[in-house]
Amino acid sequence: MRRVQRAPLALLVPAALGLVFLTLPLAGLLIRAPWSTMPQRLTEPGVLTALRLSLQTATLATALCLVLGVPLAWVLARVEFPGRRLVRALVTVPLVLPPVVGGVALLLVFGRRGLVGEWLDATFGITLPFTTTGVVLAEAFVAMPFLVIAVEGALRGADSRYEEAAATLGAGRWTTFTHVTLPLVAPGVAAGAVLCWARALGEFGATITFAGNFPGRTQTMPLAVYLALETDLDAAIVLSLILLTVSVVILAALRDKWIAGP
């Protein structure tokens, strides 16, 4: 039987203050929310447009992260090569990099005068900044580390004997990866994808720097909240509540995997 410990007052008081500090702003949203006009505000064209664009771009960004991030996680987890620690560090840089700096970096690479963007514009006539595609790229840039870290951790925790057995039976590397490895780490991939999607949905700094804030084209929910704060506080609260609801649902769905229970 687990022994119940009594918390000393010196720890209990700051713990309670920390809980209040984290939950009071969320309570403020709920208290100040315009509940009487909520249905009408949720159906306003601007809200629906921003919500639809956010869902679309976050989903596309997550798909891009899956295509690129899962193989990257596999390489980091399964392949020994010089500089692997450096590569892993570079992968996690967007986690600590200020999003605005990430937006500037994207402009320098994919802008019309960027390292890659100038070639894309001159060769194919493709312009990425201040477009919906730019939103997807910005969201994928800041969200991919969440997926890579989750999948790499799942791969390191998976039993490699199944992969070795498949190879012994004559399965090729691609067959082993698709029929053995991916099913083994599917929960980790799913959890990483959900976290990636949630991060992409809430992205602000890199998006507004690289893609701008154009309604119907690049104005996602976080950008709509920022704009609404200047003119309509109630609209900003409603948009914030939508994002808060999504965050709570994500945490509830991943509770068993990421939050240890008693």
C-alpha atoms as a PDB file:
ATOM      1  CA  MET A   1       0.000   0.000   0.000  1.00  0.00           C
ATOM      2  CA  ARG A   2       1.326   3.413  -0.957  1.00  0.00           C
ATOM      3  CA  ARG A   3       2.091   5.589   2.038  1.00  0.00           C
ATOM      4  CA  VAL A   4       0.254   8.895   1.992  1.00  0.00           C
ATOM      5  CA  GLN A   5       2.625  11.757   2.681  1.00  0.00           C
ATOM      6  CA  ARG A   6       1.563  14.982   4.324  1.00  0.00           C
ATOM      7  CA  ALA A   7       2.718  17.971   2.330  1.00  0.00           C
ATOM      8  CA  PRO A   8       4.765  20.499   4.327  1.00  0.00           C
ATOM      9  CA  LEU A   9       3.316  23.985   4.409  1.00  0.00           C
ATOM     10  CA  ALA A  10       6.440  25.398   2.769  1.00  0.00           C
ATOM     11  CA  LEU A  11       5.636  23.340  -0.353  1.00  0.00           C
ATOM     12  CA  LEU A  12       1.847  23.398  -0.159  1.00  0.00           C
ATOM     13  CA  VAL A  13       1.516  27.195  -0.271  1.00  0.00           C
ATOM     14  CA  PRO A  14       3.627  27.811  -3.409  1.00  0.00           C
ATOM     15  CA  ALA A  15       2.037  24.762  -5.037  1.00  0.00           C
ATOM     16  CA  ALA A  16      -1.408  26.244  -4.441  1.00  0.00           C
ATOM     17  CA  LEU A  17      -0.249  29.617  -5.746  1.00  0.00           C
ATOM     18  CA  GLY A  18       1.174  27.944  -8.841  1.00  0.00           C
ATOM     19  CA  LEU A  19      -2.130  26.181  -9.485  1.00  0.00           C
ATOM     20  CA  VAL A  20      -4.031  29.456  -9.088  1.00  0.00           C
ATOM     21  CA  PHE A  21      -1.574  31.215 -11.391  1.00  0.00           C
ATOM     22  CA  LEU A  22      -2.132  28.613 -14.127  1.00  0.00           C
ATOM     23  CA  THR A  23      -5.902  28.241 -13.816  1.00  0.00           C
ATOM     24  CA  LEU A  24      -7.053  31.788 -13.005  1.00  0.00           C
ATOM     25  CA  PRO A  25      -6.503  33.152 -16.549  1.00  0.00           C
ATOM     26  CA  LEU A  26      -8.486  30.224 -17.946  1.00  0.00           C
ATOM     27  CA  ALA A  27     -11.245  30.909 -15.441  1.00  0.00           C
ATOM     28  CA  GLY A  28     -11.194  34.529 -16.559  1.00  0.00           C
ATOM     29  CA  LEU A  29     -11.976  33.442 -20.105  1.00  0.00           C
ATOM     30  CA  LEU A  30     -14.918  31.376 -18.921  1.00  0.00           C
ATOM     31  CA  ILE A  31     -16.252  34.101 -16.622  1.00  0.00           C
ATOM     32  CA  ARG A  32     -15.964  36.905 -19.172  1.00  0.00           C
ATOM     33  CA  ALA A  33     -17.264  34.858 -22.097  1.00  0.00           C
ATOM     34  CA  PRO A  34     -20.390  36.335 -23.772  1.00  0.00           C
ATOM     35  CA  TRP A  35     -22.456  33.188 -23.269  1.00  0.00           C
ATOM     36  CA  SER A  36     -25.751  34.844 -24.241  1.00  0.00           C
ATOM     37  CA  THR A  37     -24.478  35.741 -27.709  1.00  0.00           C
ATOM     38  CA  MET A  38     -22.162  32.766 -28.135  1.00  0.00           C
ATOM     39  CA  PRO A  39     -24.238  30.903 -30.801  1.00  0.00           C
ATOM     40  CA  GLN A  40     -24.490  34.017 -32.966  1.00  0.00           C
ATOM     41  CA  ARG A  41     -20.792  34.814 -32.636  1.00  0.00           C
ATOM     42  CA  LEU A  42     -19.758  31.262 -33.474  1.00  0.00           C
ATOM     43  CA  THR A  43     -21.641  31.483 -36.774  1.00  0.00           C
ATOM     44  CA  GLU A  44     -20.183  34.832 -37.847  1.00  0.00           C
ATOM     45  CA  PRO A  45     -18.474  34.591 -41.253  1.00  0.00           C
ATOM     46  CA  GLY A  46     -15.125  35.816 -39.940  1.00  0.00           C
ATOM     47  CA  VAL A  47     -15.045  33.218 -37.162  1.00  0.00           C
ATOM     48  CA  LEU A  48     -16.051  30.360 -39.444  1.00  0.00           C
ATOM     49  CA  THR A  49     -13.521  31.406 -42.091  1.00  0.00           C
ATOM     50  CA  ALA A  50     -10.670  31.598 -39.594  1.00  0.00           C
ATOM     51  CA  LEU A  51     -11.693  28.287 -38.002  1.00  0.00           C
ATOM     52  CA  ARG A  52     -11.950  26.515 -41.363  1.00  0.00           C
ATOM     53  CA  LEU A  53      -8.587  27.869 -42.500  1.00  0.00           C
ATOM     54  CA  SER A  54      -6.967  26.877 -39.203  1.00  0.00           C
ATOM     55  CA  LEU A  55      -8.297  23.330 -39.404  1.00  0.00           C
ATOM     56  CA  GLN A  56      -7.226  22.960 -43.023  1.00  0.00           C
ATOM     57  CA  THR A  57      -3.717  24.350 -42.603  1.00  0.00           C
ATOM     58  CA  ALA A  58      -3.069  22.487 -39.337  1.00  0.00           C
ATOM     59  CA  THR A  59      -4.160  19.221 -40.965  1.00  0.00           C
ATOM     60  CA  LEU A  60      -1.997  19.812 -44.054  1.00  0.00           C
ATOM     61  CA  ALA A  61       0.956  20.806 -41.865  1.00  0.00           C
ATOM     62  CA  THR A  62       0.541  17.617 -39.834  1.00  0.00           C
ATOM     63  CA  ALA A  63       0.431  15.536 -43.016  1.00  0.00           C
ATOM     64  CA  LEU A  64       3.652  17.189 -44.178  1.00  0.00           C
ATOM     65  CA  CYS A  65       5.237  16.522 -40.798  1.00  0.00           C
ATOM     66  CA  LEU A  66       4.225  12.862 -40.962  1.00  0.00           C
ATOM     67  CA  VAL A  67       5.737  12.430 -44.417  1.00  0.00           C
ATOM     68  CA  LEU A  68       9.018  14.063 -43.419  1.00  0.00           C
ATOM     69  CA  GLY A  69       9.144  13.577 -39.654  1.00  0.00           C
ATOM     70  CA  VAL A  70       8.518   9.840 -39.312  1.00  0.00           C
ATOM     71  CA  PRO A  71      11.470   8.894 -41.566  1.00  0.00           C
ATOM     72  CA  LEU A  72      13.619  11.472 -39.771  1.00  0.00           C
ATOM     73  CA  ALA A  73      12.680   9.985 -36.394  1.00  0.00           C
ATOM     74  CA  TRP A  74      13.491   6.494 -37.698  1.00  0.00           C
ATOM     75  CA  VAL A  75      16.931   7.628 -38.862  1.00  0.00           C
ATOM     76  CA  LEU A  76      17.660   9.235 -35.499  1.00  0.00           C
ATOM     77  CA  ALA A  77      16.492   6.162 -33.591  1.00  0.00           C
ATOM     78  CA  ARG A  78      17.875   3.357 -35.736  1.00  0.00           C
ATOM     79  CA  VAL A  79      20.902   4.618 -37.676  1.00  0.00           C
ATOM     80  CA  GLU A  80      24.300   5.351 -36.197  1.00  0.00           C
ATOM     81  CA  PHE A  81      26.113   8.122 -38.079  1.00  0.00           C
ATOM     82  CA  PRO A  82      28.596  10.895 -37.276  1.00  0.00           C
ATOM     83  CA  GLY A  83      26.900  14.026 -36.036  1.00  0.00           C
ATOM     84  CA  ARG A  84      23.676  12.360 -34.948  1.00  0.00           C
ATOM     85  CA  ARG A  85      23.587  14.392 -31.743  1.00  0.00           C
ATOM     86  CA  LEU A  86      23.976  17.579 -33.753  1.00  0.00           C
ATOM     87  CA  VAL A  87      21.154  16.570 -36.072  1.00  0.00           C
ATOM     88  CA  ARG A  88      18.920  15.790 -33.098  1.00  0.00           C
ATOM     89  CA  ALA A  89      19.746  19.192 -31.611  1.00  0.00           C
ATOM     90  CA  LEU A  90      18.909  20.917 -34.890  1.00  0.00           C
ATOM     91  CA  VAL A  91      15.581  19.086 -35.039  1.00  0.00           C
ATOM     92  CA  THR A  92      14.619  20.394 -31.594  1.00  0.00           C
ATOM     93  CA  VAL A  93      15.722  23.995 -32.235  1.00  0.00           C
ATOM     94  CA  PRO A  94      12.200  25.141 -33.276  1.00  0.00           C
ATOM     95  CA  LEU A  95      10.985  24.114 -29.808  1.00  0.00           C
ATOM     96  CA  VAL A  96      13.036  26.858 -28.164  1.00  0.00           C
ATOM     97  CA  LEU A  97      13.408  29.272 -31.078  1.00  0.00           C
ATOM     98  CA  PRO A  98      11.127  32.331 -30.818  1.00  0.00           C
ATOM     99  CA  PRO A  99       8.443  31.778 -33.475  1.00  0.00           C
ATOM    100  CA  VAL A 100       8.988  35.247 -34.934  1.00  0.00           C
ATOM    101  CA  VAL A 101      12.632  34.343 -35.525  1.00  0.00           C
ATOM    102  CA  GLY A 102      11.433  31.188 -37.259  1.00  0.00           C
ATOM    103  CA  GLY A 103       9.253  33.333 -39.511  1.00  0.00           C
ATOM    104  CA  VAL A 104      12.197  35.548 -40.398  1.00  0.00           C
ATOM    105  CA  ALA A 105      14.307  32.469 -41.136  1.00  0.00           C
ATOM    106  CA  LEU A 106      11.576  31.114 -43.418  1.00  0.00           C
ATOM    107  CA  LEU A 107      11.476  34.434 -45.269  1.00  0.00           C
ATOM    108  CA  LEU A 108      15.223  34.323 -45.808  1.00  0.00           C
ATOM    109  CA  VAL A 109      14.936  30.849 -47.328  1.00  0.00           C
ATOM    110  CA  PHE A 110      11.552  30.800 -49.069  1.00  0.00           C
ATOM    111  CA  GLY A 111      10.984  34.515 -49.715  1.00  0.00           C
ATOM    112  CA  ARG A 112      11.138  35.929 -53.218  1.00  0.00           C
ATOM    113  CA  ARG A 113      14.772  36.834 -52.628  1.00  0.00           C
ATOM    114  CA  GLY A 114      15.473  33.843 -50.398  1.00  0.00           C
ATOM    115  CA  LEU A 115      17.920  31.025 -50.905  1.00  0.00           C
ATOM    116  CA  VAL A 116      15.244  28.707 -52.315  1.00  0.00           C
ATOM    117  CA  GLY A 117      12.362  31.093 -52.884  1.00  0.00           C
ATOM    118  CA  GLU A 118      14.135  33.106 -55.577  1.00  0.00           C
ATOM    119  CA  TRP A 119      14.755  29.916 -57.572  1.00  0.00           C
ATOM    120  CA  LEU A 120      11.150  28.770 -57.112  1.00  0.00           C
ATOM    121  CA  ASP A 121       9.855  32.145 -58.282  1.00  0.00           C
ATOM    122  CA  ALA A 122      12.157  32.359 -61.290  1.00  0.00           C
ATOM    123  CA  THR A 123      11.782  28.727 -62.402  1.00  0.00           C
ATOM    124  CA  PHE A 124       8.198  27.805 -61.549  1.00  0.00           C
ATOM    125  CA  GLY A 125       6.573  31.136 -60.685  1.00  0.00           C
ATOM    126  CA  ILE A 126       5.839  29.842 -57.174  1.00  0.00           C
ATOM    127  CA  THR A 127       5.603  32.394 -54.382  1.00  0.00           C
ATOM    128  CA  LEU A 128       5.270  31.052 -50.854  1.00  0.00           C
ATOM    129  CA  PRO A 129       5.232  34.035 -48.457  1.00  0.00           C
ATOM    130  CA  PHE A 130       1.838  35.576 -47.651  1.00  0.00           C
ATOM    131  CA  THR A 131      -0.064  32.599 -49.053  1.00  0.00           C
ATOM    132  CA  THR A 132      -2.007  29.737 -47.542  1.00  0.00           C
ATOM    133  CA  THR A 133       0.876  27.447 -48.474  1.00  0.00           C
ATOM    134  CA  GLY A 134       3.120  29.753 -46.465  1.00  0.00           C
ATOM    135  CA  VAL A 135       0.871  29.199 -43.450  1.00  0.00           C
ATOM    136  CA  VAL A 136       1.264  25.426 -43.840  1.00  0.00           C
ATOM    137  CA  LEU A 137       5.055  25.737 -44.053  1.00  0.00           C
ATOM    138  CA  ALA A 138       5.244  27.997 -40.992  1.00  0.00           C
ATOM    139  CA  GLU A 139       3.057  25.661 -38.946  1.00  0.00           C
ATOM    140  CA  ALA A 140       4.992  22.587 -40.062  1.00  0.00           C
ATOM    141  CA  PHE A 141       8.302  24.242 -39.151  1.00  0.00           C
ATOM    142  CA  VAL A 142       7.321  24.871 -35.539  1.00  0.00           C
ATOM    143  CA  ALA A 143       5.271  21.666 -35.070  1.00  0.00           C
ATOM    144  CA  MET A 144       7.468  18.964 -36.592  1.00  0.00           C
ATOM    145  CA  PRO A 145       9.780  18.599 -33.555  1.00  0.00           C
ATOM    146  CA  PHE A 146       6.816  17.404 -31.459  1.00  0.00           C
ATOM    147  CA  LEU A 147       6.201  14.592 -33.905  1.00  0.00           C
ATOM    148  CA  VAL A 148       9.853  13.644 -34.321  1.00  0.00           C
ATOM    149  CA  ILE A 149      10.487  13.496 -30.568  1.00  0.00           C
ATOM    150  CA  ALA A 150       7.366  11.394 -29.939  1.00  0.00           C
ATOM    151  CA  VAL A 151       8.083   8.933 -32.752  1.00  0.00           C
ATOM    152  CA  GLU A 152      11.783   8.637 -31.916  1.00  0.00           C
ATOM    153  CA  GLY A 153      10.897   7.864 -28.310  1.00  0.00           C
ATOM    154  CA  ALA A 154       8.407   5.225 -29.439  1.00  0.00           C
ATOM    155  CA  LEU A 155      10.994   3.657 -31.746  1.00  0.00           C
ATOM    156  CA  ARG A 156      13.604   3.512 -28.988  1.00  0.00           C
ATOM    157  CA  GLY A 157      11.084   1.863 -26.679  1.00  0.00           C
ATOM    158  CA  ALA A 158       9.890  -0.691 -29.248  1.00  0.00           C
ATOM    159  CA  ASP A 159      11.188  -4.244 -29.156  1.00  0.00           C
ATOM    160  CA  SER A 160      13.605  -4.520 -32.082  1.00  0.00           C
ATOM    161  CA  ARG A 161      13.455  -8.346 -31.995  1.00  0.00           C
ATOM    162  CA  TYR A 162      10.313  -8.244 -34.146  1.00  0.00           C
ATOM    163  CA  GLU A 163      12.169  -6.300 -36.822  1.00  0.00           C
ATOM    164  CA  GLU A 164      15.087  -8.710 -36.604  1.00  0.00           C
ATOM    165  CA  ALA A 165      12.736 -11.664 -36.936  1.00  0.00           C
ATOM    166  CA  ALA A 166      11.133 -10.125 -40.024  1.00  0.00           C
ATOM    167  CA  ALA A 167      14.556  -9.593 -41.581  1.00  0.00           C
ATOM    168  CA  THR A 168      15.492 -13.192 -40.784  1.00  0.00           C
ATOM    169  CA  LEU A 169      12.365 -14.390 -42.598  1.00  0.00           C
ATOM    170  CA  GLY A 170      13.438 -12.524 -45.717  1.00  0.00           C
ATOM    171  CA  ALA A 171      11.491  -9.267 -45.406  1.00  0.00           C
ATOM    172  CA  GLY A 172      13.153  -6.260 -47.009  1.00  0.00           C
ATOM    173  CA  ARG A 173      13.850  -3.055 -45.121  1.00  0.00           C
ATOM    174  CA  TRP A 174      10.833  -1.258 -46.571  1.00  0.00           C
ATOM    175  CA  THR A 175       8.527  -4.199 -45.887  1.00  0.00           C
ATOM    176  CA  THR A 176       9.846  -4.460 -42.339  1.00  0.00           C
ATOM    177  CA  PHE A 177       9.313  -0.748 -41.815  1.00  0.00           C
ATOM    178  CA  THR A 178       5.755  -0.677 -43.151  1.00  0.00           C
ATOM    179  CA  HIS A 179       4.516  -4.031 -41.805  1.00  0.00           C
ATOM    180  CA  VAL A 180       6.412  -4.366 -38.528  1.00  0.00           C
ATOM    181  CA  THR A 181       7.945  -1.097 -37.340  1.00  0.00           C
ATOM    182  CA  LEU A 182       5.032   1.234 -38.043  1.00  0.00           C
ATOM    183  CA  PRO A 183       2.416  -1.017 -36.364  1.00  0.00           C
ATOM    184  CA  LEU A 184       4.707  -1.303 -33.330  1.00  0.00           C
ATOM    185  CA  VAL A 185       5.025   2.459 -32.914  1.00  0.00           C
ATOM    186  CA  ALA A 186       1.558   3.404 -34.178  1.00  0.00           C
ATOM    187  CA  PRO A 187       0.426   4.767 -30.774  1.00  0.00           C
ATOM    188  CA  GLY A 188       3.522   6.963 -30.601  1.00  0.00           C
ATOM    189  CA  VAL A 189       2.972   8.184 -34.158  1.00  0.00           C
ATOM    190  CA  ALA A 190      -0.670   8.959 -33.380  1.00  0.00           C
ATOM    191  CA  ALA A 191       0.213  10.824 -30.198  1.00  0.00           C
ATOM    192  CA  GLY A 192       2.946  12.777 -31.959  1.00  0.00           C
ATOM    193  CA  ALA A 193       0.593  13.640 -34.809  1.00  0.00           C
ATOM    194  CA  VAL A 194      -2.045  14.940 -32.410  1.00  0.00           C
ATOM    195  CA  LEU A 195       0.491  17.077 -30.551  1.00  0.00           C
ATOM    196  CA  CYS A 196       1.861  18.286 -33.873  1.00  0.00           C
ATOM    197  CA  TRP A 197      -1.639  19.203 -35.063  1.00  0.00           C
ATOM    198  CA  ALA A 198      -2.433  21.048 -31.846  1.00  0.00           C
ATOM    199  CA  ARG A 199       0.829  23.013 -32.038  1.00  0.00           C
ATOM    200  CA  ALA A 200       0.159  23.890 -35.665  1.00  0.00           C
ATOM    201  CA  LEU A 201      -3.362  25.025 -34.801  1.00  0.00           C
ATOM    202  CA  GLY A 202      -2.039  27.438 -32.166  1.00  0.00           C
ATOM    203  CA  GLU A 203       0.901  28.804 -34.161  1.00  0.00           C
ATOM    204  CA  PHE A 204       1.094  32.601 -34.314  1.00  0.00           C
ATOM    205  CA  GLY A 205       4.548  34.187 -34.529  1.00  0.00           C
ATOM    206  CA  ALA A 206       6.041  32.381 -37.512  1.00  0.00           C
ATOM    207  CA  THR A 207       2.715  32.543 -39.370  1.00  0.00           C
ATOM    208  CA  ILE A 208       2.200  36.294 -39.074  1.00  0.00           C
ATOM    209  CA  THR A 209       5.849  36.959 -39.983  1.00  0.00           C
ATOM    210  CA  PHE A 210       6.061  34.628 -42.969  1.00  0.00           C
ATOM    211  CA  ALA A 211       2.455  34.507 -44.211  1.00  0.00           C
ATOM    212  CA  GLY A 212       0.899  37.733 -42.949  1.00  0.00           C
ATOM    213  CA  ASN A 213      -2.616  38.261 -41.651  1.00  0.00           C
ATOM    214  CA  PHE A 214      -4.997  38.276 -44.609  1.00  0.00           C
ATOM    215  CA  PRO A 215      -8.606  37.226 -43.876  1.00  0.00           C
ATOM    216  CA  GLY A 216      -9.637  34.126 -45.782  1.00  0.00           C
ATOM    217  CA  ARG A 217      -6.095  33.418 -46.974  1.00  0.00           C
ATOM    218  CA  THR A 218      -3.650  33.460 -44.059  1.00  0.00           C
ATOM    219  CA  GLN A 219      -5.656  34.626 -41.048  1.00  0.00           C
ATOM    220  CA  THR A 220      -5.819  31.602 -38.762  1.00  0.00           C
ATOM    221  CA  MET A 221      -7.530  31.509 -35.374  1.00  0.00           C
ATOM    222  CA  PRO A 222      -4.605  32.872 -33.307  1.00  0.00           C
ATOM    223  CA  LEU A 223      -4.190  35.745 -35.763  1.00  0.00           C
ATOM    224  CA  ALA A 224      -7.925  36.424 -35.655  1.00  0.00           C
ATOM    225  CA  VAL A 225      -7.723  36.595 -31.844  1.00  0.00           C
ATOM    226  CA  TYR A 226      -4.900  39.135 -32.089  1.00  0.00           C
ATOM    227  CA  LEU A 227      -6.851  41.278 -34.544  1.00  0.00           C
ATOM    228  CA  ALA A 228     -10.111  41.028 -32.578  1.00  0.00           C
ATOM    229  CA  LEU A 229      -8.410  42.275 -29.401  1.00  0.00           C
ATOM    230  CA  GLU A 230      -8.039  45.682 -31.054  1.00  0.00           C
ATOM    231  CA  THR A 231     -11.721  46.086 -31.954  1.00  0.00           C
ATOM    232  CA  ASP A 232     -13.973  43.498 -30.277  1.00  0.00           C
ATOM    233  CA  LEU A 233     -12.973  41.924 -26.965  1.00  0.00           C
ATOM    234  CA  ASP A 234     -15.954  39.562 -26.914  1.00  0.00           C
ATOM    235  CA  ALA A 235     -15.005  38.178 -30.322  1.00  0.00           C
ATOM    236  CA  ALA A 236     -11.441  37.627 -29.102  1.00  0.00           C
ATOM    237  CA  ILE A 237     -12.786  35.758 -26.064  1.00  0.00           C
ATOM    238  CA  VAL A 238     -14.980  33.528 -28.227  1.00  0.00           C
ATOM    239  CA  LEU A 239     -12.077  32.665 -30.529  1.00  0.00           C
ATOM    240  CA  SER A 240      -9.855  32.003 -27.517  1.00  0.00           C
ATOM    241  CA  LEU A 241     -12.457  29.678 -26.035  1.00  0.00           C
ATOM    242  CA  ILE A 242     -12.506  27.645 -29.230  1.00  0.00           C
ATOM    243  CA  LEU A 243      -8.735  27.181 -29.053  1.00  0.00           C
ATOM    244  CA  LEU A 244      -8.963  26.416 -25.329  1.00  0.00           C
ATOM    245  CA  THR A 245     -11.590  23.745 -25.988  1.00  0.00           C
ATOM    246  CA  VAL A 246      -9.377  22.121 -28.615  1.00  0.00           C
ATOM    247  CA  SER A 247      -6.437  22.132 -26.186  1.00  0.00           C
ATOM    248  CA  VAL A 248      -8.484  20.505 -23.426  1.00  0.00           C
ATOM    249  CA  VAL A 249      -9.780  17.826 -25.794  1.00  0.00           C
ATOM    250  CA  ILE A 250      -6.215  17.073 -26.944  1.00  0.00           C
ATOM    251  CA  LEU A 251      -4.957  16.763 -23.377  1.00  0.00           C
ATOM    252  CA  ALA A 252      -7.883  14.529 -22.425  1.00  0.00           C
ATOM    253  CA  ALA A 253      -7.241  12.280 -25.417  1.00  0.00           C
ATOM    254  CA  LEU A 254      -3.540  11.925 -24.589  1.00  0.00           C
ATOM    255  CA  ARG A 255      -3.868  11.729 -20.834  1.00  0.00           C
ATOM    256  CA  ASP A 256      -3.013   8.031 -20.531  1.00  0.00           C
ATOM    257  CA  LYS A 257       0.116   8.444 -22.666  1.00  0.00           C
ATOM    258  CA  TRP A 258       1.577  11.748 -21.494  1.00  0.00           C
ATOM    259  CA  ILE A 259       0.164  12.315 -18.019  1.00  0.00           C
ATOM    260  CA  ALA A 260       0.889   9.710 -15.392  1.00  0.00           C
ATOM    261  CA  GLY A 261      -2.081   8.703 -13.299  1.00  0.00           C
ATOM    262  CA  PRO A 262      -2.148   7.527  -9.685  1.00  0.00           C
END
